[in-house]
Amino acid sequence: MVARAKTPKNKGKKRAQGSPVRPIWGVCVLSLAILIVIGGLNVVESAAETRDLYQSLGEVQRQHDHLLEEHSRLSIERGTMSSLQKIETVALEKLEMVFPLEIEQVTDG
């Protein structure tokens, strides 16, 4: 049996001991890590903004419902107030108006 000398697995690649392993890879990994963190922060910010917008939407919908109820109530009230009988009642009771007993003709001059 012949003993062979062990050869390094990385034939042809010579590097000095203590030299960094390709600094470009370190920069790439660091850049990717930073981009991942920034992307995560953007997702969190977007989720918070969406939650705030849904809360605002709920408030606006409640205001819309309230205004719709008020509009319906005012429409009914307008219909009631426009009836001749209601106008006559308001004139007699609130404004204390009365029908004249005699009708006089007024002329210029």
N, C-alpha and C. Protein backbone atom coordinates (compact mmCIF):
# COMPACT_ATOMS: atom_id res chain seq x y z
N MET A 1 0.80 -1.17 0.00
CA MET A 1 0.00 0.00 0.00
C MET A 1 0.85 1.24 0.00
N VAL A 2 0.41 2.10 -0.84
CA VAL A 2 1.16 3.34 -0.95
C VAL A 2 0.37 4.42 -0.23
N ALA A 3 1.04 5.14 0.61
CA ALA A 3 0.36 6.21 1.32
C ALA A 3 0.40 7.46 0.47
N ARG A 4 -0.73 8.01 0.37
CA ARG A 4 -0.80 9.25 -0.42
C ARG A 4 -0.91 10.43 0.52
N ALA A 5 -0.41 11.49 0.06
CA ALA A 5 -0.51 12.71 0.85
C ALA A 5 -1.90 13.30 0.67
N LYS A 6 -2.42 13.79 1.74
CA LYS A 6 -3.75 14.39 1.66
C LYS A 6 -3.66 15.70 0.90
N THR A 7 -4.57 15.83 -0.04
CA THR A 7 -4.61 17.07 -0.80
C THR A 7 -5.83 17.88 -0.37
N PRO A 8 -5.69 19.14 -0.31
CA PRO A 8 -6.84 19.96 0.08
C PRO A 8 -7.95 19.84 -0.95
N LYS A 9 -9.18 19.90 -0.46
CA LYS A 9 -10.33 19.74 -1.33
C LYS A 9 -10.51 20.92 -2.28
N ASN A 10 -10.07 22.06 -1.90
CA ASN A 10 -10.22 23.22 -2.77
C ASN A 10 -8.95 23.42 -3.57
N LYS A 11 -8.76 22.55 -4.54
CA LYS A 11 -7.57 22.62 -5.39
C LYS A 11 -7.57 23.92 -6.19
N GLY A 12 -6.49 24.48 -6.33
CA GLY A 12 -6.35 25.64 -7.18
C GLY A 12 -6.80 26.93 -6.53
N LYS A 13 -7.45 26.86 -5.39
CA LYS A 13 -7.90 28.07 -4.72
C LYS A 13 -6.93 28.36 -3.60
N LYS A 14 -6.27 29.40 -3.76
CA LYS A 14 -5.31 29.77 -2.74
C LYS A 14 -5.81 31.03 -2.06
N ARG A 15 -5.80 31.01 -0.76
CA ARG A 15 -6.14 32.22 -0.05
C ARG A 15 -5.26 32.31 1.17
N ALA A 16 -5.01 33.50 1.51
CA ALA A 16 -4.15 33.71 2.66
C ALA A 16 -4.96 33.48 3.93
N GLN A 17 -4.30 32.97 4.91
CA GLN A 17 -5.00 32.76 6.15
C GLN A 17 -5.37 34.10 6.76
N GLY A 18 -6.65 34.14 7.31
CA GLY A 18 -7.11 35.37 7.93
C GLY A 18 -7.73 36.36 6.96
N SER A 19 -7.72 36.07 5.67
CA SER A 19 -8.34 37.00 4.72
C SER A 19 -9.86 36.77 4.73
N PRO A 20 -10.62 37.81 4.54
CA PRO A 20 -12.09 37.67 4.59
C PRO A 20 -12.58 36.85 3.40
N VAL A 21 -13.69 36.15 3.62
CA VAL A 21 -14.26 35.33 2.56
C VAL A 21 -15.14 36.24 1.72
N ARG A 22 -14.64 36.65 0.65
CA ARG A 22 -15.35 37.46 -0.32
C ARG A 22 -16.25 38.52 0.35
N PRO A 23 -15.78 39.68 0.58
CA PRO A 23 -16.55 40.73 1.28
C PRO A 23 -17.84 41.09 0.56
N ILE A 24 -17.93 40.83 -0.73
CA ILE A 24 -19.14 41.18 -1.47
C ILE A 24 -20.33 40.38 -0.95
N TRP A 25 -20.10 39.12 -0.53
CA TRP A 25 -21.20 38.30 -0.01
C TRP A 25 -21.72 38.86 1.30
N GLY A 26 -20.84 39.33 2.11
CA GLY A 26 -21.26 39.93 3.38
C GLY A 26 -22.12 41.16 3.16
N VAL A 27 -21.72 41.98 2.20
CA VAL A 27 -22.49 43.19 1.87
C VAL A 27 -23.87 42.80 1.33
N CYS A 28 -23.91 41.78 0.49
CA CYS A 28 -25.20 41.33 -0.07
C CYS A 28 -26.12 40.80 1.01
N VAL A 29 -25.58 40.00 1.92
CA VAL A 29 -26.40 39.45 3.00
C VAL A 29 -26.90 40.57 3.90
N LEU A 30 -26.05 41.52 4.23
CA LEU A 30 -26.45 42.65 5.06
C LEU A 30 -27.52 43.48 4.35
N SER A 31 -27.35 43.72 3.07
CA SER A 31 -28.35 44.49 2.29
C SER A 31 -29.68 43.76 2.28
N LEU A 32 -29.65 42.45 2.07
CA LEU A 32 -30.90 41.68 2.07
C LEU A 32 -31.58 41.73 3.43
N ALA A 33 -30.80 41.64 4.48
CA ALA A 33 -31.37 41.70 5.83
C ALA A 33 -32.04 43.05 6.06
N ILE A 34 -31.39 44.11 5.64
CA ILE A 34 -31.95 45.47 5.80
C ILE A 34 -33.23 45.59 4.99
N LEU A 35 -33.22 45.08 3.77
CA LEU A 35 -34.42 45.15 2.93
C LEU A 35 -35.58 44.35 3.54
N ILE A 36 -35.29 43.22 4.13
CA ILE A 36 -36.33 42.41 4.76
C ILE A 36 -36.92 43.15 5.96
N VAL A 37 -36.08 43.78 6.75
CA VAL A 37 -36.57 44.56 7.90
C VAL A 37 -37.43 45.72 7.44
N ILE A 38 -36.98 46.43 6.41
CA ILE A 38 -37.76 47.56 5.89
C ILE A 38 -39.10 47.07 5.34
N GLY A 39 -39.09 45.96 4.63
CA GLY A 39 -40.34 45.40 4.11
C GLY A 39 -41.29 45.01 5.23
N GLY A 40 -40.78 44.43 6.30
CA GLY A 40 -41.61 44.07 7.45
C GLY A 40 -42.21 45.29 8.11
N LEU A 41 -41.42 46.34 8.25
CA LEU A 41 -41.94 47.59 8.83
C LEU A 41 -43.04 48.18 7.96
N ASN A 42 -42.88 48.10 6.65
CA ASN A 42 -43.92 48.60 5.73
C ASN A 42 -45.20 47.80 5.87
N VAL A 43 -45.09 46.49 6.07
CA VAL A 43 -46.28 45.66 6.25
C VAL A 43 -47.00 46.04 7.54
N VAL A 44 -46.25 46.25 8.61
CA VAL A 44 -46.85 46.65 9.88
C VAL A 44 -47.54 48.00 9.76
N GLU A 45 -46.88 48.94 9.11
CA GLU A 45 -47.47 50.27 8.92
C GLU A 45 -48.74 50.20 8.08
N SER A 46 -48.71 49.40 7.05
CA SER A 46 -49.88 49.23 6.19
C SER A 46 -51.05 48.61 6.96
N ALA A 47 -50.77 47.64 7.80
CA ALA A 47 -51.83 47.01 8.60
C ALA A 47 -52.44 48.01 9.57
N ALA A 48 -51.62 48.84 10.20
CA ALA A 48 -52.13 49.85 11.13
C ALA A 48 -52.98 50.87 10.39
N GLU A 49 -52.53 51.28 9.21
CA GLU A 49 -53.30 52.25 8.42
C GLU A 49 -54.64 51.66 7.99
N THR A 50 -54.63 50.39 7.60
CA THR A 50 -55.88 49.72 7.20
C THR A 50 -56.85 49.67 8.37
N ARG A 51 -56.34 49.34 9.57
CA ARG A 51 -57.20 49.29 10.75
C ARG A 51 -57.81 50.67 11.04
N ASP A 52 -57.01 51.72 10.95
CA ASP A 52 -57.50 53.08 11.17
C ASP A 52 -58.57 53.46 10.13
N LEU A 53 -58.35 53.06 8.89
CA LEU A 53 -59.32 53.38 7.84
C LEU A 53 -60.64 52.64 8.07
N TYR A 54 -60.59 51.41 8.54
CA TYR A 54 -61.82 50.67 8.84
C TYR A 54 -62.58 51.33 9.99
N GLN A 55 -61.86 51.83 11.00
CA GLN A 55 -62.51 52.53 12.10
C GLN A 55 -63.17 53.81 11.58
N SER A 56 -62.49 54.54 10.73
CA SER A 56 -63.06 55.76 10.15
C SER A 56 -64.28 55.43 9.30
N LEU A 57 -64.21 54.34 8.56
CA LEU A 57 -65.34 53.92 7.74
C LEU A 57 -66.56 53.63 8.62
N GLY A 58 -66.36 52.97 9.75
CA GLY A 58 -67.46 52.69 10.66
C GLY A 58 -68.09 53.97 11.19
N GLU A 59 -67.26 54.95 11.55
CA GLU A 59 -67.79 56.22 12.04
C GLU A 59 -68.59 56.94 10.96
N VAL A 60 -68.08 56.95 9.74
CA VAL A 60 -68.77 57.62 8.64
C VAL A 60 -70.10 56.92 8.33
N GLN A 61 -70.11 55.59 8.41
CA GLN A 61 -71.36 54.86 8.17
C GLN A 61 -72.39 55.18 9.25
N ARG A 62 -71.95 55.30 10.51
CA ARG A 62 -72.89 55.68 11.58
C ARG A 62 -73.45 57.08 11.35
N GLN A 63 -72.59 58.01 10.94
CA GLN A 63 -73.05 59.37 10.64
C GLN A 63 -74.05 59.34 9.48
N HIS A 64 -73.76 58.54 8.47
CA HIS A 64 -74.66 58.41 7.32
C HIS A 64 -76.01 57.90 7.75
N ASP A 65 -76.03 56.88 8.59
CA ASP A 65 -77.30 56.33 9.07
C ASP A 65 -78.08 57.36 9.87
N HIS A 66 -77.38 58.10 10.73
CA HIS A 66 -78.04 59.13 11.53
C HIS A 66 -78.64 60.22 10.64
N LEU A 67 -77.87 60.66 9.65
CA LEU A 67 -78.37 61.70 8.75
C LEU A 67 -79.53 61.20 7.90
N LEU A 68 -79.51 59.95 7.52
CA LEU A 68 -80.61 59.36 6.76
C LEU A 68 -81.88 59.32 7.60
N GLU A 69 -81.75 58.96 8.89
CA GLU A 69 -82.91 58.98 9.79
C GLU A 69 -83.46 60.39 9.93
N GLU A 70 -82.56 61.36 10.10
CA GLU A 70 -83.00 62.75 10.25
C GLU A 70 -83.69 63.24 8.97
N HIS A 71 -83.15 62.86 7.81
CA HIS A 71 -83.75 63.25 6.54
C HIS A 71 -85.17 62.68 6.42
N SER A 72 -85.33 61.43 6.80
CA SER A 72 -86.66 60.81 6.74
C SER A 72 -87.63 61.53 7.67
N ARG A 73 -87.16 61.82 8.88
CA ARG A 73 -88.02 62.52 9.85
C ARG A 73 -88.42 63.91 9.33
N LEU A 74 -87.45 64.62 8.76
CA LEU A 74 -87.75 65.97 8.24
C LEU A 74 -88.66 65.91 7.02
N SER A 75 -88.53 64.89 6.21
CA SER A 75 -89.42 64.75 5.05
C SER A 75 -90.86 64.53 5.51
N ILE A 76 -91.03 63.70 6.52
CA ILE A 76 -92.38 63.48 7.06
C ILE A 76 -92.91 64.76 7.68
N GLU A 77 -92.07 65.46 8.41
CA GLU A 77 -92.49 66.71 9.04
C GLU A 77 -92.87 67.75 7.98
N ARG A 78 -92.11 67.81 6.91
CA ARG A 78 -92.43 68.76 5.83
C ARG A 78 -93.78 68.42 5.21
N GLY A 79 -94.02 67.13 5.00
CA GLY A 79 -95.32 66.72 4.46
C GLY A 79 -96.46 67.08 5.39
N THR A 80 -96.22 66.94 6.68
CA THR A 80 -97.25 67.28 7.66
C THR A 80 -97.49 68.78 7.70
N MET A 81 -96.43 69.54 7.66
CA MET A 81 -96.55 71.00 7.74
C MET A 81 -97.17 71.60 6.48
N SER A 82 -97.09 70.91 5.39
CA SER A 82 -97.61 71.48 4.16
C SER A 82 -99.12 71.27 4.01
N SER A 83 -99.70 70.47 4.86
CA SER A 83 -101.15 70.27 4.75
C SER A 83 -101.86 71.55 5.22
N LEU A 84 -102.95 71.88 4.57
CA LEU A 84 -103.69 73.11 4.87
C LEU A 84 -104.23 73.12 6.29
N GLN A 85 -104.66 71.98 6.77
CA GLN A 85 -105.19 71.92 8.11
C GLN A 85 -104.11 72.27 9.13
N LYS A 86 -102.90 71.77 8.95
CA LYS A 86 -101.80 72.07 9.88
C LYS A 86 -101.45 73.55 9.82
N ILE A 87 -101.46 74.13 8.63
CA ILE A 87 -101.15 75.55 8.48
C ILE A 87 -102.19 76.38 9.23
N GLU A 88 -103.45 76.00 9.10
CA GLU A 88 -104.51 76.72 9.79
C GLU A 88 -104.38 76.59 11.30
N THR A 89 -104.04 75.41 11.78
CA THR A 89 -103.87 75.19 13.21
C THR A 89 -102.72 76.03 13.77
N VAL A 90 -101.60 76.08 13.08
CA VAL A 90 -100.47 76.88 13.53
C VAL A 90 -100.83 78.36 13.52
N ALA A 91 -101.54 78.80 12.50
CA ALA A 91 -101.94 80.21 12.42
C ALA A 91 -102.86 80.59 13.58
N LEU A 92 -103.79 79.73 13.90
CA LEU A 92 -104.73 80.04 14.99
C LEU A 92 -104.07 79.93 16.36
N GLU A 93 -103.33 78.87 16.62
CA GLU A 93 -102.82 78.62 17.97
C GLU A 93 -101.52 79.35 18.26
N LYS A 94 -100.55 79.25 17.41
CA LYS A 94 -99.24 79.84 17.71
C LYS A 94 -99.16 81.31 17.35
N LEU A 95 -99.74 81.68 16.22
CA LEU A 95 -99.64 83.07 15.77
C LEU A 95 -100.85 83.91 16.19
N GLU A 96 -101.84 83.24 16.78
CA GLU A 96 -103.07 83.89 17.26
C GLU A 96 -103.74 84.73 16.17
N MET A 97 -103.78 84.19 14.98
CA MET A 97 -104.45 84.86 13.87
C MET A 97 -105.93 84.46 13.88
N VAL A 98 -106.79 85.37 13.44
CA VAL A 98 -108.23 85.08 13.38
C VAL A 98 -108.74 85.51 12.01
N PHE A 99 -109.87 84.89 11.61
CA PHE A 99 -110.50 85.31 10.38
C PHE A 99 -111.24 86.62 10.65
N PRO A 100 -111.19 87.56 9.72
CA PRO A 100 -111.89 88.82 9.93
C PRO A 100 -113.42 88.59 9.86
N LEU A 101 -114.12 89.37 10.69
CA LEU A 101 -115.58 89.27 10.68
C LEU A 101 -116.17 89.96 9.46
N GLU A 102 -115.59 91.07 9.11
CA GLU A 102 -116.05 91.80 7.94
C GLU A 102 -114.88 91.96 6.98
N ILE A 103 -115.18 91.90 5.71
CA ILE A 103 -114.16 92.10 4.71
C ILE A 103 -114.32 93.50 4.16
N GLU A 104 -113.27 94.29 4.26
CA GLU A 104 -113.30 95.66 3.77
C GLU A 104 -112.43 95.76 2.55
N GLN A 105 -112.85 96.63 1.63
CA GLN A 105 -112.05 96.84 0.43
C GLN A 105 -111.21 98.08 0.65
N VAL A 106 -109.93 97.94 0.39
CA VAL A 106 -109.00 99.03 0.57
C VAL A 106 -108.60 99.52 -0.81
N THR A 107 -108.68 100.85 -1.04
CA THR A 107 -108.30 101.40 -2.33
C THR A 107 -107.23 102.47 -2.13
N ASP A 108 -106.51 102.71 -3.19
CA ASP A 108 -105.51 103.78 -3.16
C ASP A 108 -106.22 105.13 -3.29
N GLY A 109 -105.86 106.03 -2.49
CA GLY A 109 -106.29 107.38 -2.73
C GLY A 109 -107.25 107.96 -1.90
